[in-house]
Amino acid sequence: MIPGVVSVHFDTSGKPTRAANAAGALVALRNEVRHGSSIGVGTARKLLADALSELDRLLAGSLFLRDHVLFVARALNFEDGEFVCQARVLRGAQAPMARVALRLPRPVTMGRTYLATRDFTRVLDLHPFVIVDTCPICEDEEVFLYESAGADRSHFVSFQKGHALASVGALKLLENYGVLGVRGGKA
């Protein structure tokens, strides 16, 4: 599972893949048109064509994810020598999260989002890069993806609606993991 995730971002020589470059281009495009900018019809059509091309590259590089399950741990018990996790499984856009009981080989942390093989023998903690939380805008439970970090909080964008969420706690974790480089004039 980890090689699949890494291979979306880096080739065997450690250089960014086409999918990683496509993700960067999509973020740049979103930033270009995000804050109430006004663009002409011709420019909008060109940006859309570029975005569709980049999205195709990104999706092609992440097809391996179809063989995995995304879930959020809600409760954990130890029964008959196994960890039984009450979880919400994410099943794609517009589909409600299914409540399931999962038997896992190791404990997981409540409230965190995980990517797992279909048999749940391998589980990858995606926190703090992917979080499920109540959206401050629409109050729906949403999947939020890490976007950027400011001086005092990290910023997330919801996968489905593009809504924003800020988190101080996630920023501290990102700093602890050594993910953040120079921010706000600090190294």
N, C-alpha and C. Protein backbone atom coordinates (compact mmCIF):
# COMPACT_ATOMS: atom_id res chain seq x y z
N MET A 1 0.82 -1.19 0.00
CA MET A 1 0.00 0.00 0.00
C MET A 1 0.87 1.25 0.00
N ILE A 2 1.89 1.29 0.85
CA ILE A 2 2.76 2.47 0.91
C ILE A 2 3.46 2.70 -0.43
N PRO A 3 4.00 1.68 -1.08
CA PRO A 3 4.61 1.93 -2.40
C PRO A 3 3.63 2.54 -3.39
N GLY A 4 2.37 2.13 -3.33
CA GLY A 4 1.37 2.71 -4.22
C GLY A 4 1.15 4.19 -3.96
N VAL A 5 1.08 4.55 -2.68
CA VAL A 5 0.90 5.96 -2.33
C VAL A 5 2.11 6.77 -2.76
N VAL A 6 3.30 6.25 -2.48
CA VAL A 6 4.53 6.97 -2.85
C VAL A 6 4.65 7.08 -4.36
N SER A 7 4.27 6.02 -5.09
CA SER A 7 4.43 6.04 -6.55
C SER A 7 3.52 7.05 -7.23
N VAL A 8 2.47 7.51 -6.54
CA VAL A 8 1.64 8.57 -7.09
C VAL A 8 2.43 9.88 -7.11
N HIS A 9 3.30 10.06 -6.12
CA HIS A 9 4.02 11.32 -5.98
C HIS A 9 5.42 11.33 -6.58
N PHE A 10 6.14 10.19 -6.52
CA PHE A 10 7.54 10.17 -6.95
C PHE A 10 7.82 8.95 -7.83
N ASP A 11 8.67 9.15 -8.86
CA ASP A 11 9.09 8.02 -9.68
C ASP A 11 10.26 7.32 -8.98
N THR A 12 10.83 6.31 -9.62
CA THR A 12 11.89 5.52 -8.98
C THR A 12 13.17 6.31 -8.74
N SER A 13 13.33 7.44 -9.43
CA SER A 13 14.52 8.27 -9.20
C SER A 13 14.26 9.39 -8.19
N GLY A 14 13.05 9.43 -7.61
CA GLY A 14 12.72 10.43 -6.62
C GLY A 14 12.18 11.73 -7.18
N LYS A 15 11.94 11.77 -8.48
CA LYS A 15 11.40 12.98 -9.11
C LYS A 15 9.87 12.94 -9.07
N PRO A 16 9.22 14.11 -9.03
CA PRO A 16 7.76 14.13 -9.02
C PRO A 16 7.19 13.46 -10.27
N THR A 17 6.10 12.72 -10.10
CA THR A 17 5.44 12.03 -11.21
C THR A 17 4.51 13.00 -11.94
N ARG A 18 3.99 12.54 -13.06
CA ARG A 18 3.01 13.34 -13.80
C ARG A 18 1.78 13.59 -12.93
N ALA A 19 1.39 12.60 -12.12
CA ALA A 19 0.23 12.76 -11.24
C ALA A 19 0.51 13.84 -10.19
N ALA A 20 1.71 13.84 -9.62
CA ALA A 20 2.06 14.85 -8.62
C ALA A 20 2.08 16.24 -9.26
N ASN A 21 2.65 16.34 -10.45
CA ASN A 21 2.66 17.62 -11.16
C ASN A 21 1.24 18.06 -11.50
N ALA A 22 0.38 17.08 -11.83
CA ALA A 22 -1.01 17.39 -12.15
C ALA A 22 -1.72 17.93 -10.91
N ALA A 23 -1.47 17.33 -9.75
CA ALA A 23 -2.08 17.82 -8.51
C ALA A 23 -1.63 19.24 -8.24
N GLY A 24 -0.36 19.51 -8.42
CA GLY A 24 0.15 20.87 -8.23
C GLY A 24 -0.49 21.86 -9.19
N ALA A 25 -0.66 21.44 -10.44
CA ALA A 25 -1.27 22.32 -11.44
C ALA A 25 -2.73 22.59 -11.10
N LEU A 26 -3.44 21.57 -10.58
CA LEU A 26 -4.84 21.77 -10.21
C LEU A 26 -4.97 22.72 -9.02
N VAL A 27 -4.07 22.60 -8.05
CA VAL A 27 -4.08 23.52 -6.91
C VAL A 27 -3.79 24.94 -7.39
N ALA A 28 -2.81 25.10 -8.28
CA ALA A 28 -2.48 26.42 -8.81
C ALA A 28 -3.67 27.01 -9.57
N LEU A 29 -4.35 26.18 -10.35
CA LEU A 29 -5.53 26.63 -11.08
C LEU A 29 -6.62 27.08 -10.12
N ARG A 30 -6.87 26.28 -9.11
CA ARG A 30 -7.88 26.63 -8.12
C ARG A 30 -7.53 27.95 -7.44
N ASN A 31 -6.27 28.13 -7.11
CA ASN A 31 -5.85 29.37 -6.46
C ASN A 31 -6.02 30.57 -7.40
N GLU A 32 -5.83 30.33 -8.69
CA GLU A 32 -5.95 31.41 -9.67
C GLU A 32 -7.38 31.92 -9.79
N VAL A 33 -8.35 31.05 -9.65
CA VAL A 33 -9.75 31.44 -9.85
C VAL A 33 -10.56 31.43 -8.55
N ARG A 34 -9.92 31.25 -7.44
CA ARG A 34 -10.62 31.03 -6.17
C ARG A 34 -11.29 32.26 -5.58
N HIS A 35 -10.62 33.32 -5.40
CA HIS A 35 -11.09 34.42 -4.57
C HIS A 35 -11.88 35.46 -5.35
N GLY A 36 -12.98 35.03 -5.96
CA GLY A 36 -13.86 35.96 -6.63
C GLY A 36 -13.26 36.64 -7.84
N SER A 37 -12.26 35.99 -8.45
CA SER A 37 -11.65 36.61 -9.62
C SER A 37 -12.64 36.61 -10.78
N SER A 38 -12.46 37.54 -11.66
CA SER A 38 -13.32 37.66 -12.83
C SER A 38 -12.46 37.42 -14.07
N ILE A 39 -12.79 36.35 -14.80
CA ILE A 39 -12.04 36.03 -16.00
C ILE A 39 -12.99 35.96 -17.19
N GLY A 40 -12.45 36.12 -18.37
CA GLY A 40 -13.27 36.07 -19.57
C GLY A 40 -13.65 34.65 -19.95
N VAL A 41 -14.60 34.52 -20.84
CA VAL A 41 -15.08 33.21 -21.27
C VAL A 41 -13.97 32.41 -21.93
N GLY A 42 -13.18 33.03 -22.79
CA GLY A 42 -12.09 32.31 -23.46
C GLY A 42 -11.06 31.78 -22.48
N THR A 43 -10.71 32.61 -21.52
CA THR A 43 -9.75 32.19 -20.50
C THR A 43 -10.34 31.06 -19.66
N ALA A 44 -11.61 31.18 -19.31
CA ALA A 44 -12.27 30.13 -18.52
C ALA A 44 -12.28 28.80 -19.27
N ARG A 45 -12.55 28.83 -20.57
CA ARG A 45 -12.55 27.59 -21.36
C ARG A 45 -11.16 26.96 -21.42
N LYS A 46 -10.13 27.78 -21.59
CA LYS A 46 -8.77 27.26 -21.62
C LYS A 46 -8.39 26.67 -20.27
N LEU A 47 -8.72 27.37 -19.18
CA LEU A 47 -8.42 26.86 -17.84
C LEU A 47 -9.14 25.54 -17.59
N LEU A 48 -10.40 25.44 -18.04
CA LEU A 48 -11.16 24.20 -17.88
C LEU A 48 -10.51 23.07 -18.67
N ALA A 49 -10.11 23.32 -19.90
CA ALA A 49 -9.46 22.29 -20.71
C ALA A 49 -8.16 21.82 -20.06
N ASP A 50 -7.38 22.77 -19.55
CA ASP A 50 -6.13 22.41 -18.86
C ASP A 50 -6.43 21.61 -17.61
N ALA A 51 -7.44 22.01 -16.86
CA ALA A 51 -7.79 21.31 -15.62
C ALA A 51 -8.25 19.89 -15.91
N LEU A 52 -9.04 19.69 -16.94
CA LEU A 52 -9.50 18.35 -17.27
C LEU A 52 -8.34 17.44 -17.65
N SER A 53 -7.40 17.99 -18.39
CA SER A 53 -6.22 17.22 -18.77
C SER A 53 -5.41 16.83 -17.53
N GLU A 54 -5.20 17.78 -16.63
CA GLU A 54 -4.44 17.51 -15.40
C GLU A 54 -5.20 16.53 -14.51
N LEU A 55 -6.51 16.66 -14.44
CA LEU A 55 -7.31 15.75 -13.63
C LEU A 55 -7.21 14.33 -14.17
N ASP A 56 -7.23 14.16 -15.49
CA ASP A 56 -7.06 12.83 -16.08
C ASP A 56 -5.72 12.23 -15.67
N ARG A 57 -4.64 13.02 -15.69
CA ARG A 57 -3.32 12.53 -15.27
C ARG A 57 -3.32 12.11 -13.80
N LEU A 58 -3.94 12.94 -12.96
CA LEU A 58 -3.99 12.65 -11.53
C LEU A 58 -4.79 11.37 -11.26
N LEU A 59 -5.92 11.23 -11.90
CA LEU A 59 -6.74 10.03 -11.70
C LEU A 59 -6.03 8.78 -12.20
N ALA A 60 -5.35 8.87 -13.33
CA ALA A 60 -4.62 7.71 -13.86
C ALA A 60 -3.54 7.27 -12.89
N GLY A 61 -2.89 8.22 -12.22
CA GLY A 61 -1.84 7.88 -11.28
C GLY A 61 -2.34 7.35 -9.95
N SER A 62 -3.62 7.50 -9.68
CA SER A 62 -4.14 7.05 -8.39
C SER A 62 -5.17 5.93 -8.50
N LEU A 63 -5.18 5.23 -9.62
CA LEU A 63 -6.14 4.13 -9.81
C LEU A 63 -5.99 3.01 -8.78
N PHE A 64 -4.78 2.84 -8.22
CA PHE A 64 -4.57 1.78 -7.24
C PHE A 64 -5.48 1.97 -6.02
N LEU A 65 -5.96 3.18 -5.78
CA LEU A 65 -6.81 3.44 -4.62
C LEU A 65 -8.13 2.69 -4.68
N ARG A 66 -8.56 2.25 -5.87
CA ARG A 66 -9.80 1.49 -5.99
C ARG A 66 -9.73 0.19 -5.22
N ASP A 67 -8.52 -0.30 -4.98
CA ASP A 67 -8.34 -1.57 -4.27
C ASP A 67 -8.20 -1.38 -2.77
N HIS A 68 -8.49 -0.18 -2.28
CA HIS A 68 -8.34 0.13 -0.86
C HIS A 68 -9.63 0.72 -0.29
N VAL A 69 -9.68 0.79 1.02
CA VAL A 69 -10.85 1.30 1.73
C VAL A 69 -10.42 2.49 2.57
N LEU A 70 -11.22 3.54 2.54
CA LEU A 70 -10.99 4.71 3.38
C LEU A 70 -12.00 4.67 4.52
N PHE A 71 -11.51 4.72 5.77
CA PHE A 71 -12.45 4.69 6.90
C PHE A 71 -12.02 5.61 8.01
N VAL A 72 -13.01 5.98 8.83
CA VAL A 72 -12.79 6.81 10.00
C VAL A 72 -13.13 5.98 11.23
N ALA A 73 -12.17 5.84 12.14
CA ALA A 73 -12.39 5.06 13.36
C ALA A 73 -13.27 5.84 14.33
N ARG A 74 -14.31 5.20 14.87
CA ARG A 74 -15.23 5.86 15.79
C ARG A 74 -15.21 5.26 17.20
N ALA A 75 -14.92 3.96 17.32
CA ALA A 75 -14.84 3.30 18.64
C ALA A 75 -13.97 2.06 18.47
N LEU A 76 -13.35 1.63 19.57
CA LEU A 76 -12.45 0.47 19.49
C LEU A 76 -12.63 -0.39 20.73
N ASN A 77 -12.77 -1.68 20.51
CA ASN A 77 -12.88 -2.67 21.59
C ASN A 77 -11.91 -3.80 21.29
N PHE A 78 -11.59 -4.58 22.32
CA PHE A 78 -10.76 -5.76 22.15
C PHE A 78 -11.62 -6.97 22.49
N GLU A 79 -11.89 -7.81 21.48
CA GLU A 79 -12.78 -8.97 21.65
C GLU A 79 -12.14 -10.20 21.04
N ASP A 80 -12.10 -11.27 21.81
CA ASP A 80 -11.59 -12.56 21.32
C ASP A 80 -10.22 -12.44 20.65
N GLY A 81 -9.34 -11.64 21.24
CA GLY A 81 -7.98 -11.51 20.74
C GLY A 81 -7.82 -10.62 19.53
N GLU A 82 -8.86 -9.87 19.15
CA GLU A 82 -8.79 -8.97 18.00
C GLU A 82 -9.30 -7.58 18.37
N PHE A 83 -8.83 -6.60 17.65
CA PHE A 83 -9.35 -5.25 17.81
C PHE A 83 -10.56 -5.10 16.90
N VAL A 84 -11.68 -4.71 17.49
CA VAL A 84 -12.90 -4.49 16.72
C VAL A 84 -13.17 -3.00 16.72
N CYS A 85 -13.15 -2.44 15.54
CA CYS A 85 -13.29 -1.00 15.36
C CYS A 85 -14.65 -0.69 14.76
N GLN A 86 -15.41 0.14 15.44
CA GLN A 86 -16.63 0.67 14.86
C GLN A 86 -16.18 1.83 13.98
N ALA A 87 -16.53 1.79 12.71
CA ALA A 87 -15.99 2.76 11.77
C ALA A 87 -17.06 3.24 10.80
N ARG A 88 -16.74 4.34 10.16
CA ARG A 88 -17.54 4.84 9.06
C ARG A 88 -16.68 4.69 7.82
N VAL A 89 -17.15 3.92 6.86
CA VAL A 89 -16.41 3.68 5.62
C VAL A 89 -16.90 4.66 4.56
N LEU A 90 -15.95 5.35 3.95
CA LEU A 90 -16.29 6.31 2.90
C LEU A 90 -16.37 5.56 1.58
N ARG A 91 -17.47 5.75 0.87
CA ARG A 91 -17.74 4.98 -0.33
C ARG A 91 -17.84 5.82 -1.59
N GLY A 92 -17.25 7.00 -1.62
CA GLY A 92 -17.26 7.82 -2.82
C GLY A 92 -18.14 9.04 -2.68
N ALA A 93 -18.04 9.92 -3.66
CA ALA A 93 -18.80 11.17 -3.65
C ALA A 93 -20.29 10.87 -3.68
N GLN A 94 -21.04 11.64 -2.94
CA GLN A 94 -22.50 11.59 -2.87
C GLN A 94 -23.04 10.35 -2.15
N ALA A 95 -22.18 9.42 -1.74
CA ALA A 95 -22.65 8.23 -1.03
C ALA A 95 -22.47 8.45 0.47
N PRO A 96 -23.49 8.11 1.26
CA PRO A 96 -23.33 8.28 2.71
C PRO A 96 -22.28 7.30 3.25
N MET A 97 -21.62 7.70 4.33
CA MET A 97 -20.64 6.82 4.96
C MET A 97 -21.38 5.66 5.62
N ALA A 98 -20.90 4.46 5.37
CA ALA A 98 -21.52 3.26 5.94
C ALA A 98 -20.91 2.97 7.31
N ARG A 99 -21.74 2.61 8.27
CA ARG A 99 -21.27 2.23 9.59
C ARG A 99 -21.00 0.73 9.58
N VAL A 100 -19.77 0.35 9.95
CA VAL A 100 -19.38 -1.06 9.93
C VAL A 100 -18.51 -1.39 11.15
N ALA A 101 -18.43 -2.67 11.46
CA ALA A 101 -17.51 -3.16 12.49
C ALA A 101 -16.37 -3.86 11.76
N LEU A 102 -15.14 -3.42 12.02
CA LEU A 102 -13.97 -3.97 11.34
C LEU A 102 -13.11 -4.72 12.34
N ARG A 103 -12.60 -5.87 11.95
CA ARG A 103 -11.66 -6.62 12.77
C ARG A 103 -10.27 -6.29 12.26
N LEU A 104 -9.45 -5.71 13.14
CA LEU A 104 -8.14 -5.20 12.75
C LEU A 104 -7.03 -5.91 13.52
N PRO A 105 -5.86 -6.05 12.90
CA PRO A 105 -4.73 -6.70 13.59
C PRO A 105 -4.07 -5.81 14.64
N ARG A 106 -4.29 -4.50 14.54
CA ARG A 106 -3.67 -3.54 15.47
C ARG A 106 -4.69 -2.47 15.86
N PRO A 107 -4.47 -1.82 16.98
CA PRO A 107 -5.39 -0.73 17.36
C PRO A 107 -5.23 0.48 16.45
N VAL A 108 -6.27 1.27 16.39
CA VAL A 108 -6.26 2.53 15.64
C VAL A 108 -6.70 3.65 16.58
N THR A 109 -6.48 4.89 16.18
CA THR A 109 -6.83 6.05 17.00
C THR A 109 -8.21 6.57 16.59
N MET A 110 -9.05 6.77 17.56
CA MET A 110 -10.41 7.25 17.28
C MET A 110 -10.38 8.62 16.61
N GLY A 111 -11.27 8.79 15.64
CA GLY A 111 -11.41 10.06 14.95
C GLY A 111 -10.48 10.25 13.77
N ARG A 112 -9.52 9.36 13.61
CA ARG A 112 -8.58 9.51 12.50
C ARG A 112 -9.06 8.77 11.26
N THR A 113 -8.54 9.23 10.12
CA THR A 113 -8.89 8.64 8.83
C THR A 113 -7.77 7.70 8.40
N TYR A 114 -8.15 6.52 7.90
CA TYR A 114 -7.20 5.49 7.51
C TYR A 114 -7.48 4.99 6.10
N LEU A 115 -6.42 4.56 5.44
CA LEU A 115 -6.51 3.87 4.16
C LEU A 115 -6.08 2.44 4.42
N ALA A 116 -6.88 1.47 4.00
CA ALA A 116 -6.59 0.07 4.31
C ALA A 116 -6.77 -0.81 3.08
N THR A 117 -6.06 -1.95 3.10
CA THR A 117 -6.31 -2.96 2.07
C THR A 117 -7.71 -3.51 2.32
N ARG A 118 -8.30 -4.11 1.32
CA ARG A 118 -9.69 -4.61 1.45
C ARG A 118 -9.84 -5.66 2.56
N ASP A 119 -8.78 -6.39 2.86
CA ASP A 119 -8.87 -7.38 3.95
C ASP A 119 -8.48 -6.79 5.31
N PHE A 120 -8.14 -5.51 5.33
CA PHE A 120 -7.80 -4.75 6.54
C PHE A 120 -6.56 -5.27 7.26
N THR A 121 -5.70 -6.02 6.56
CA THR A 121 -4.46 -6.49 7.19
C THR A 121 -3.40 -5.39 7.20
N ARG A 122 -3.53 -4.41 6.31
CA ARG A 122 -2.58 -3.28 6.26
C ARG A 122 -3.38 -1.99 6.34
N VAL A 123 -3.02 -1.17 7.31
CA VAL A 123 -3.76 0.06 7.58
C VAL A 123 -2.77 1.22 7.66
N LEU A 124 -3.05 2.30 6.94
CA LEU A 124 -2.20 3.48 6.90
C LEU A 124 -2.95 4.67 7.48
N ASP A 125 -2.40 5.29 8.52
CA ASP A 125 -2.99 6.47 9.15
C ASP A 125 -2.73 7.68 8.26
N LEU A 126 -3.77 8.35 7.79
CA LEU A 126 -3.65 9.51 6.90
C LEU A 126 -3.65 10.83 7.65
N HIS A 127 -3.83 10.77 8.95
CA HIS A 127 -3.88 11.99 9.77
C HIS A 127 -2.49 12.57 9.92
N PRO A 128 -2.26 13.81 9.79
CA PRO A 128 -3.18 14.94 9.67
C PRO A 128 -3.38 15.44 8.24
N PHE A 129 -3.09 14.62 7.25
CA PHE A 129 -3.23 15.05 5.86
C PHE A 129 -4.66 14.93 5.35
N VAL A 130 -5.40 13.97 5.88
CA VAL A 130 -6.81 13.77 5.53
C VAL A 130 -7.57 13.69 6.85
N ILE A 131 -8.55 14.55 7.01
CA ILE A 131 -9.36 14.52 8.22
C ILE A 131 -10.84 14.54 7.85
N VAL A 132 -11.65 13.95 8.69
CA VAL A 132 -13.10 14.02 8.54
C VAL A 132 -13.60 14.84 9.72
N ASP A 133 -14.34 15.90 9.41
CA ASP A 133 -14.79 16.81 10.46
C ASP A 133 -16.08 17.48 10.00
N THR A 134 -16.75 18.13 10.92
CA THR A 134 -17.94 18.90 10.59
C THR A 134 -17.51 20.18 9.90
N CYS A 135 -18.09 20.43 8.75
CA CYS A 135 -17.75 21.62 7.97
C CYS A 135 -18.29 22.87 8.67
N PRO A 136 -17.44 23.88 8.86
CA PRO A 136 -17.91 25.11 9.50
C PRO A 136 -18.85 25.93 8.61
N ILE A 137 -18.92 25.60 7.33
CA ILE A 137 -19.77 26.34 6.40
C ILE A 137 -21.15 25.70 6.27
N CYS A 138 -21.19 24.40 5.94
CA CYS A 138 -22.47 23.73 5.68
C CYS A 138 -22.92 22.81 6.81
N GLU A 139 -22.04 22.57 7.79
CA GLU A 139 -22.30 21.73 8.96
C GLU A 139 -22.49 20.25 8.62
N ASP A 140 -22.11 19.84 7.40
CA ASP A 140 -22.12 18.43 7.03
C ASP A 140 -20.79 17.80 7.45
N GLU A 141 -20.79 16.50 7.66
CA GLU A 141 -19.52 15.81 7.90
C GLU A 141 -18.84 15.66 6.56
N GLU A 142 -17.61 16.16 6.45
CA GLU A 142 -16.90 16.22 5.18
C GLU A 142 -15.50 15.63 5.30
N VAL A 143 -14.96 15.17 4.18
CA VAL A 143 -13.57 14.75 4.10
C VAL A 143 -12.77 15.99 3.69
N PHE A 144 -11.78 16.36 4.51
CA PHE A 144 -10.94 17.52 4.24
C PHE A 144 -9.52 17.07 3.93
N LEU A 145 -8.92 17.66 2.90
CA LEU A 145 -7.56 17.36 2.50
C LEU A 145 -6.65 18.53 2.85
N TYR A 146 -5.45 18.23 3.34
CA TYR A 146 -4.49 19.27 3.69
C TYR A 146 -4.19 20.10 2.46
N GLU A 147 -4.20 21.43 2.64
CA GLU A 147 -3.94 22.33 1.53
C GLU A 147 -2.65 23.12 1.75
N SER A 148 -2.55 23.77 2.91
CA SER A 148 -1.39 24.62 3.17
C SER A 148 -1.32 24.93 4.66
N ALA A 149 -0.26 25.62 5.05
CA ALA A 149 -0.11 26.02 6.45
C ALA A 149 0.24 27.49 6.53
N GLY A 150 -0.36 28.17 7.48
CA GLY A 150 -0.05 29.56 7.75
C GLY A 150 0.78 29.65 9.02
N ALA A 151 0.94 30.83 9.53
CA ALA A 151 1.77 31.04 10.72
C ALA A 151 1.16 30.41 11.96
N ASP A 152 -0.18 30.34 12.04
CA ASP A 152 -0.80 29.85 13.26
C ASP A 152 -1.80 28.71 13.06
N ARG A 153 -2.00 28.23 11.84
CA ARG A 153 -2.94 27.12 11.61
C ARG A 153 -2.70 26.49 10.25
N SER A 154 -3.17 25.26 10.10
CA SER A 154 -3.11 24.61 8.80
C SER A 154 -4.48 24.75 8.14
N HIS A 155 -4.47 24.68 6.82
CA HIS A 155 -5.70 24.90 6.06
C HIS A 155 -6.03 23.64 5.27
N PHE A 156 -7.31 23.30 5.28
CA PHE A 156 -7.81 22.13 4.59
C PHE A 156 -8.94 22.55 3.66
N VAL A 157 -9.16 21.76 2.63
CA VAL A 157 -10.27 22.00 1.72
C VAL A 157 -11.07 20.70 1.62
N SER A 158 -12.40 20.82 1.63
CA SER A 158 -13.23 19.61 1.57
C SER A 158 -13.19 19.04 0.16
N PHE A 159 -13.12 17.73 0.10
CA PHE A 159 -12.99 17.03 -1.16
C PHE A 159 -14.22 17.25 -2.03
N GLN A 160 -15.39 17.18 -1.43
CA GLN A 160 -16.62 17.21 -2.22
C GLN A 160 -17.09 18.61 -2.57
N LYS A 161 -16.98 19.55 -1.63
CA LYS A 161 -17.59 20.86 -1.84
C LYS A 161 -16.60 22.01 -1.97
N GLY A 162 -15.33 21.77 -1.67
CA GLY A 162 -14.35 22.83 -1.75
C GLY A 162 -14.42 23.82 -0.60
N HIS A 163 -15.12 23.44 0.48
CA HIS A 163 -15.21 24.32 1.64
C HIS A 163 -13.89 24.30 2.42
N ALA A 164 -13.63 25.38 3.16
CA ALA A 164 -12.37 25.51 3.88
C ALA A 164 -12.54 25.19 5.36
N LEU A 165 -11.47 24.66 5.95
CA LEU A 165 -11.41 24.36 7.39
C LEU A 165 -10.01 24.71 7.85
N ALA A 166 -9.90 25.40 8.99
CA ALA A 166 -8.60 25.73 9.57
C ALA A 166 -8.43 24.91 10.85
N SER A 167 -7.19 24.48 11.12
CA SER A 167 -6.92 23.66 12.29
C SER A 167 -5.59 24.02 12.92
N VAL A 168 -5.62 24.36 14.21
CA VAL A 168 -4.40 24.63 14.95
C VAL A 168 -3.75 23.30 15.34
N GLY A 169 -4.56 22.32 15.77
CA GLY A 169 -4.04 21.03 16.20
C GLY A 169 -3.30 20.29 15.09
N ALA A 170 -3.85 20.32 13.88
CA ALA A 170 -3.20 19.64 12.76
C ALA A 170 -1.88 20.32 12.42
N LEU A 171 -1.82 21.64 12.59
CA LEU A 171 -0.57 22.36 12.33
C LEU A 171 0.54 21.85 13.24
N LYS A 172 0.23 21.66 14.50
CA LYS A 172 1.24 21.17 15.45
C LYS A 172 1.72 19.78 15.06
N LEU A 173 0.81 18.91 14.61
CA LEU A 173 1.22 17.58 14.16
C LEU A 173 2.11 17.66 12.93
N LEU A 174 1.74 18.49 11.98
CA LEU A 174 2.55 18.65 10.77
C LEU A 174 3.95 19.14 11.12
N GLU A 175 4.04 20.06 12.07
CA GLU A 175 5.35 20.54 12.52
C GLU A 175 6.13 19.40 13.17
N ASN A 176 5.46 18.61 14.02
CA ASN A 176 6.13 17.49 14.69
C ASN A 176 6.64 16.46 13.70
N TYR A 177 5.90 16.23 12.61
CA TYR A 177 6.30 15.26 11.59
C TYR A 177 7.41 15.80 10.69
N GLY A 178 7.71 17.09 10.82
CA GLY A 178 8.76 17.69 9.99
C GLY A 178 8.31 17.94 8.57
N VAL A 179 7.00 18.02 8.36
CA VAL A 179 6.46 18.21 7.01
C VAL A 179 6.60 19.64 6.55
N LEU A 180 6.47 20.57 7.48
CA LEU A 180 6.46 21.98 7.12
C LEU A 180 7.88 22.50 7.01
N GLY A 181 8.14 23.23 5.96
CA GLY A 181 9.44 23.87 5.78
C GLY A 181 9.43 25.24 6.43
N VAL A 182 9.97 26.21 5.75
CA VAL A 182 10.03 27.56 6.27
C VAL A 182 8.64 28.18 6.16
N ARG A 183 8.12 28.66 7.29
CA ARG A 183 6.81 29.30 7.34
C ARG A 183 6.92 30.56 8.18
N GLY A 184 6.30 31.59 7.76
CA GLY A 184 6.23 32.81 8.55
C GLY A 184 7.58 33.33 9.01
N GLY A 185 8.61 33.11 8.18
CA GLY A 185 9.94 33.60 8.51
C GLY A 185 10.71 32.71 9.46
N LYS A 186 10.13 31.57 9.86
CA LYS A 186 10.81 30.66 10.78
C LYS A 186 11.29 29.43 10.03
N ALA A 187 12.40 28.87 10.46
CA ALA A 187 12.91 27.65 9.82
C ALA A 187 12.48 26.46 10.64
